[in-house]
Amino acid sequence: MSKGFGNSKKYKKDSRDFFLEKQNINKIAIRNQFKPAIITPYYKENIKLIKRCHESCKSQTYKASHFLVSDGFPNPEINNWDANHIILSEAHNDYGNTPRGIGALSAINQGFNVILFLDADNWFENKHLESVLEMKIANLSFDIISTYRNLVLPSGEIVKSDKVDLEKKHIDTNCMIFFESSFFLLPFWTTMTKELSVIGDRIMFKRFKDNNLKIGFTEQKTVNYTTTFRVHYLRNGINPPKESKELNLDNLKNYSENKFFNWNRFDFDLRGYIQKQK
């Protein structure tokens, strides 16, 4: 027991101590209620990259289950991992949106109440999940929590972050964490239509705002995002290799407002959205 100053009597607990103890007990109880699942769609990625992704999920300081969803090209080695391996018979060619949505829906119907996403060529820092849950416990009203990301070249070099990320104007899919009050949006990964999938995280972020969801930002770079985008080389004064790429937006020309409305029962003006982003 703590002692007072000099010859004062032994310290006795008062109402403040009991309040703090109750708070700590409540936080522990809340923390123990979280059951997170990390959803990873994969296609033809090298198994070494998928394994790095998987190991980062299993090494989280707060335990999480990993769902790996094959988009038409299952790797049998994954059957031996500590993971939920979901196999889709055909590839969907929508930047992982369909396997992402199916994996998330499978997880929540198995009782998982926190949903994270991680692409097969990316990986988490060990305290990614813990930092998110600490923020949620501190403010239970958050529907979504976002982290920041490191942009990492295949060489391992970390380059400058995208300005729109730091200004909170964009959240990459790998940085999104969904809690139960935002689960109604998870099917939207599969129904936003294939034409929009190239900008799927931007469309999902718009849905957060359209539904007035409360978003918390940890402002910690706990996601490592592998990039081969030409712009990330050029912006950092690096000569882009031949295999570097541009974001191909050609499929947006095929977007149908009628199809989107029929699938989702609300309108989305793509042209107006793009104009606002400029």
Protein backbone atom coordinates (compact mmCIF):
# COMPACT_ATOMS: atom_id res chain seq x y z
CA MET A 1 0.00 0.00 0.00
CA SER A 2 1.26 3.49 -0.79
CA LYS A 3 2.53 5.63 2.06
CA GLY A 4 1.93 9.31 2.74
CA PHE A 5 4.54 11.97 3.53
CA GLY A 6 6.63 11.86 6.69
CA ASN A 7 4.81 10.25 9.60
CA SER A 8 1.36 10.48 8.03
CA LYS A 9 -0.97 7.50 8.25
CA LYS A 10 -1.05 4.83 5.61
CA TYR A 11 -2.81 5.90 2.45
CA LYS A 12 -6.51 5.05 2.33
CA LYS A 13 -8.43 4.73 -0.90
CA ASP A 14 -11.11 7.29 -1.59
CA SER A 15 -13.86 7.63 -4.23
CA ARG A 16 -11.36 8.72 -6.88
CA ASP A 17 -9.46 5.46 -6.57
CA PHE A 18 -12.60 3.38 -6.76
CA PHE A 19 -13.72 5.34 -9.84
CA LEU A 20 -10.38 4.73 -11.58
CA GLU A 21 -10.46 1.05 -10.66
CA LYS A 22 -13.98 0.77 -12.07
CA GLN A 23 -12.86 2.51 -15.24
CA ASN A 24 -9.96 0.08 -15.64
CA ILE A 25 -12.22 -2.91 -15.03
CA ASN A 26 -14.68 -1.57 -17.63
CA LYS A 27 -11.88 -1.05 -20.17
CA ILE A 28 -10.65 -4.60 -19.65
CA ALA A 29 -14.20 -5.93 -20.05
CA ILE A 30 -14.69 -3.95 -23.26
CA ARG A 31 -11.29 -4.98 -24.59
CA ASN A 32 -12.10 -8.64 -24.02
CA GLN A 33 -15.30 -8.32 -26.06
CA PHE A 34 -13.47 -7.52 -29.30
CA LYS A 35 -13.21 -10.40 -31.75
CA PRO A 36 -11.29 -9.13 -34.79
CA ALA A 37 -10.99 -10.71 -38.21
CA ILE A 38 -8.54 -9.62 -40.89
CA ILE A 39 -9.69 -10.22 -44.47
CA THR A 40 -7.13 -10.74 -47.22
CA PRO A 41 -8.19 -11.28 -50.84
CA TYR A 42 -5.50 -12.91 -52.94
CA TYR A 43 -5.09 -13.70 -56.63
CA LYS A 44 -1.75 -14.84 -58.08
CA GLU A 45 0.62 -13.19 -55.59
CA ASN A 46 3.87 -14.91 -54.74
CA ILE A 47 3.38 -17.20 -51.73
CA LYS A 48 6.28 -15.46 -49.95
CA LEU A 49 4.36 -12.18 -50.04
CA ILE A 50 1.17 -13.84 -48.84
CA LYS A 51 3.12 -15.50 -46.03
CA ARG A 52 4.59 -12.14 -44.94
CA CYS A 53 1.06 -10.74 -44.88
CA HIS A 54 -0.22 -13.72 -42.88
CA GLU A 55 2.63 -13.64 -40.36
CA SER A 56 1.99 -9.95 -39.69
CA CYS A 57 -1.62 -10.83 -38.87
CA LYS A 58 -0.66 -13.66 -36.52
CA SER A 59 1.99 -11.54 -34.75
CA GLN A 60 -0.45 -8.83 -33.69
CA THR A 61 -0.19 -7.98 -29.99
CA TYR A 62 -3.98 -8.36 -29.85
CA LYS A 63 -5.04 -11.74 -31.24
CA ALA A 64 -6.93 -11.73 -34.53
CA SER A 65 -8.18 -14.38 -36.93
CA HIS A 66 -7.03 -14.25 -40.54
CA PHE A 67 -9.33 -14.94 -43.48
CA LEU A 68 -7.60 -15.53 -46.83
CA VAL A 69 -9.97 -15.43 -49.78
CA SER A 70 -8.76 -16.90 -53.06
CA ASP A 71 -10.03 -14.99 -56.07
CA GLY A 72 -10.05 -17.91 -58.49
CA PHE A 73 -6.48 -19.15 -57.98
CA PRO A 74 -6.21 -20.98 -54.63
CA ASN A 75 -2.78 -21.82 -53.25
CA PRO A 76 -2.90 -25.25 -51.52
CA GLU A 77 -0.09 -24.32 -49.12
CA ILE A 78 -2.51 -21.97 -47.32
CA ASN A 79 -4.64 -24.96 -46.31
CA ASN A 80 -1.96 -25.80 -43.73
CA TRP A 81 -1.90 -22.33 -42.17
CA ASP A 82 -3.74 -21.10 -39.08
CA ALA A 83 -6.26 -19.26 -41.23
CA ASN A 84 -9.79 -19.45 -42.59
CA HIS A 85 -9.22 -20.25 -46.27
CA ILE A 86 -12.15 -19.35 -48.52
CA ILE A 87 -11.93 -20.41 -52.17
CA LEU A 88 -13.89 -18.67 -54.92
CA SER A 89 -14.05 -20.71 -58.11
CA GLU A 90 -13.60 -17.79 -60.51
CA ALA A 91 -11.61 -14.55 -60.52
CA HIS A 92 -13.76 -11.43 -60.36
CA ASN A 93 -11.34 -8.82 -61.73
CA ASP A 94 -12.55 -6.09 -59.39
CA TYR A 95 -9.40 -5.26 -57.41
CA GLY A 96 -10.32 -7.74 -54.68
CA ASN A 97 -13.69 -6.20 -53.89
CA THR A 98 -15.76 -9.38 -54.26
CA PRO A 99 -13.46 -11.64 -52.16
CA ARG A 100 -13.08 -8.77 -49.71
CA GLY A 101 -16.84 -8.45 -49.25
CA ILE A 102 -17.48 -12.21 -49.12
CA GLY A 103 -14.73 -12.70 -46.56
CA ALA A 104 -16.10 -9.90 -44.39
CA LEU A 105 -19.65 -11.24 -44.49
CA SER A 106 -18.44 -14.74 -43.65
CA ALA A 107 -16.50 -13.36 -40.69
CA ILE A 108 -19.33 -11.33 -39.16
CA ASN A 109 -21.68 -14.30 -39.48
CA GLN A 110 -19.14 -16.40 -37.59
CA GLY A 111 -19.34 -13.91 -34.72
CA PHE A 112 -16.41 -11.58 -35.43
CA ASN A 113 -17.20 -7.98 -34.45
CA VAL A 114 -14.21 -6.03 -35.79
CA ILE A 115 -13.28 -6.22 -39.47
CA LEU A 116 -9.93 -5.21 -40.95
CA PHE A 117 -8.63 -5.58 -44.50
CA LEU A 118 -5.11 -6.33 -45.65
CA ASP A 119 -4.04 -6.93 -49.24
CA ALA A 120 -1.79 -9.92 -49.88
CA ASP A 121 1.30 -7.85 -50.74
CA ASN A 122 1.02 -5.61 -47.66
CA TRP A 123 1.68 -6.15 -43.96
CA PHE A 124 0.84 -4.69 -40.54
CA GLU A 125 3.11 -3.46 -37.80
CA ASN A 126 2.73 -5.62 -34.69
CA LYS A 127 0.68 -3.07 -32.74
CA HIS A 128 -1.61 -2.07 -35.61
CA LEU A 129 -4.70 -3.69 -34.14
CA GLU A 130 -3.88 -2.82 -30.54
CA SER A 131 -3.52 0.89 -31.38
CA VAL A 132 -6.92 0.82 -33.07
CA LEU A 133 -8.68 -0.91 -30.20
CA GLU A 134 -7.15 1.45 -27.65
CA MET A 135 -8.65 4.35 -29.58
CA LYS A 136 -12.02 2.62 -29.76
CA ILE A 137 -12.03 1.94 -26.02
CA ALA A 138 -11.22 5.60 -25.37
CA ASN A 139 -14.17 6.67 -27.54
CA LEU A 140 -16.79 3.99 -28.10
CA SER A 141 -18.79 6.24 -30.44
CA PHE A 142 -16.39 5.67 -33.35
CA ASP A 143 -18.00 3.66 -36.15
CA ILE A 144 -14.80 3.48 -38.20
CA ILE A 145 -11.18 3.91 -37.22
CA SER A 146 -8.40 4.62 -39.69
CA THR A 147 -4.64 4.42 -39.47
CA TYR A 148 -2.02 5.89 -41.77
CA ARG A 149 0.29 3.85 -44.01
CA ASN A 150 3.92 3.65 -45.02
CA LEU A 151 4.39 3.62 -48.78
CA VAL A 152 7.06 0.98 -49.38
CA LEU A 153 8.80 0.32 -52.69
CA PRO A 154 9.57 -3.33 -53.59
CA SER A 155 13.19 -2.54 -52.65
CA GLY A 156 12.04 -1.87 -49.07
CA GLU A 157 12.56 1.89 -49.26
CA ILE A 158 9.86 3.96 -47.56
CA VAL A 159 8.82 7.01 -49.60
CA LYS A 160 6.76 10.12 -48.87
CA SER A 161 3.13 9.60 -47.94
CA ASP A 162 0.28 10.75 -50.15
CA LYS A 163 -0.86 14.21 -49.14
CA VAL A 164 -4.54 13.25 -49.37
CA ASP A 165 -3.98 10.55 -46.75
CA LEU A 166 -2.41 12.93 -44.24
CA GLU A 167 -5.12 15.53 -44.91
CA LYS A 168 -7.75 12.86 -44.15
CA LYS A 169 -9.27 13.23 -47.62
CA HIS A 170 -8.66 9.58 -48.47
CA ILE A 171 -8.48 6.32 -46.53
CA ASP A 172 -6.82 3.33 -48.14
CA THR A 173 -8.72 0.06 -47.75
CA ASN A 174 -5.85 -1.46 -45.75
CA CYS A 175 -6.20 1.36 -43.21
CA MET A 176 -9.97 0.95 -42.62
CA ILE A 177 -11.28 -0.78 -39.51
CA PHE A 178 -15.02 -1.46 -39.33
CA PHE A 179 -16.94 -1.83 -36.07
CA GLU A 180 -20.45 -3.25 -35.78
CA SER A 181 -22.22 0.07 -36.27
CA SER A 182 -20.67 0.26 -39.77
CA PHE A 183 -21.23 -3.38 -40.79
CA PHE A 184 -24.20 -2.36 -42.96
CA LEU A 185 -21.64 -1.02 -45.44
CA LEU A 186 -19.65 -4.24 -45.85
CA PRO A 187 -21.86 -5.67 -48.67
CA PHE A 188 -21.15 -2.48 -50.62
CA TRP A 189 -17.72 -3.87 -51.51
CA THR A 190 -19.55 -6.31 -53.78
CA THR A 191 -22.39 -4.08 -55.01
CA MET A 192 -20.60 -0.83 -55.90
CA THR A 193 -20.27 -2.41 -59.40
CA LYS A 194 -17.07 -3.59 -61.05
CA GLU A 195 -16.58 -0.33 -62.96
CA LEU A 196 -16.01 1.59 -59.72
CA SER A 197 -13.72 -0.99 -58.12
CA VAL A 198 -10.56 0.80 -59.28
CA ILE A 199 -11.47 3.64 -56.89
CA GLY A 200 -13.31 1.41 -54.43
CA ASP A 201 -11.70 2.81 -51.28
CA ARG A 202 -12.62 6.35 -52.35
CA ILE A 203 -16.21 5.33 -52.99
CA MET A 204 -16.37 3.54 -49.64
CA PHE A 205 -14.94 6.61 -47.88
CA LYS A 206 -17.71 8.67 -49.49
CA ARG A 207 -20.25 6.23 -48.05
CA PHE A 208 -18.76 6.81 -44.58
CA LYS A 209 -19.39 10.54 -44.96
CA ASP A 210 -22.78 10.18 -46.64
CA ASN A 211 -23.97 8.13 -43.65
CA ASN A 212 -22.45 10.55 -41.11
CA LEU A 213 -20.30 7.83 -39.59
CA LYS A 214 -17.93 8.92 -36.87
CA ILE A 215 -14.34 8.26 -37.96
CA GLY A 216 -11.34 8.20 -35.66
CA PHE A 217 -7.76 8.53 -36.93
CA THR A 218 -4.93 7.01 -34.94
CA GLU A 219 -2.45 9.06 -37.05
CA GLN A 220 0.00 6.19 -36.68
CA LYS A 221 1.62 4.54 -39.71
CA THR A 222 0.95 0.93 -38.82
CA VAL A 223 0.20 -0.34 -42.34
CA ASN A 224 3.00 -1.10 -44.78
CA TYR A 225 1.69 -0.65 -48.31
CA THR A 226 3.74 -2.01 -51.20
CA THR A 227 3.63 0.44 -54.10
CA THR A 228 4.84 0.22 -57.67
CA PHE A 229 3.00 3.33 -58.79
CA ARG A 230 5.08 5.53 -61.04
CA VAL A 231 4.03 8.69 -59.19
CA HIS A 232 5.56 7.45 -55.92
CA TYR A 233 8.94 6.97 -57.60
CA LEU A 234 8.88 10.33 -59.36
CA ARG A 235 7.73 12.28 -56.31
CA ASN A 236 10.73 10.98 -54.42
CA GLY A 237 13.26 11.64 -57.16
CA ILE A 238 13.64 7.99 -58.13
CA ASN A 239 13.75 6.79 -61.72
CA PRO A 240 10.71 4.50 -62.13
CA PRO A 241 11.51 0.94 -63.25
CA LYS A 242 9.83 -0.55 -66.31
CA GLU A 243 7.39 -2.52 -64.16
CA SER A 244 6.07 0.63 -62.43
CA LYS A 245 2.43 1.38 -63.19
CA GLU A 246 -0.17 4.10 -63.55
CA LEU A 247 -3.66 3.93 -62.08
CA ASN A 248 -5.81 2.76 -64.99
CA LEU A 249 -9.17 4.52 -64.84
CA ASP A 250 -10.40 3.47 -68.28
CA ASN A 251 -13.13 1.22 -66.89
CA LEU A 252 -14.82 4.20 -65.27
CA LYS A 253 -16.06 5.08 -68.76
CA ASN A 254 -18.30 2.01 -68.59
CA TYR A 255 -19.98 3.07 -65.35
CA SER A 256 -23.76 2.89 -65.46
CA GLU A 257 -25.83 5.00 -63.07
CA ASN A 258 -28.88 2.80 -63.73
CA LYS A 259 -27.00 -0.38 -62.90
CA PHE A 260 -25.57 1.19 -59.74
CA PHE A 261 -29.03 2.32 -58.62
CA ASN A 262 -30.56 -1.08 -59.27
CA TRP A 263 -27.85 -2.78 -57.22
CA ASN A 264 -27.85 -0.28 -54.34
CA ARG A 265 -31.13 1.69 -54.42
CA PHE A 266 -29.46 5.07 -54.24
CA ASP A 267 -27.90 7.31 -56.90
CA PHE A 268 -24.23 7.96 -57.47
CA ASP A 269 -23.15 10.72 -59.87
CA LEU A 270 -19.65 9.65 -60.88
CA ARG A 271 -18.99 12.70 -63.06
CA GLY A 272 -20.01 15.06 -60.26
CA TYR A 273 -17.89 13.13 -57.78
CA ILE A 274 -14.79 13.37 -59.99
CA GLN A 275 -15.32 17.10 -60.50
CA LYS A 276 -15.41 17.66 -56.72
CA GLN A 277 -12.11 15.80 -56.31
CA LYS A 278 -10.24 18.17 -58.64
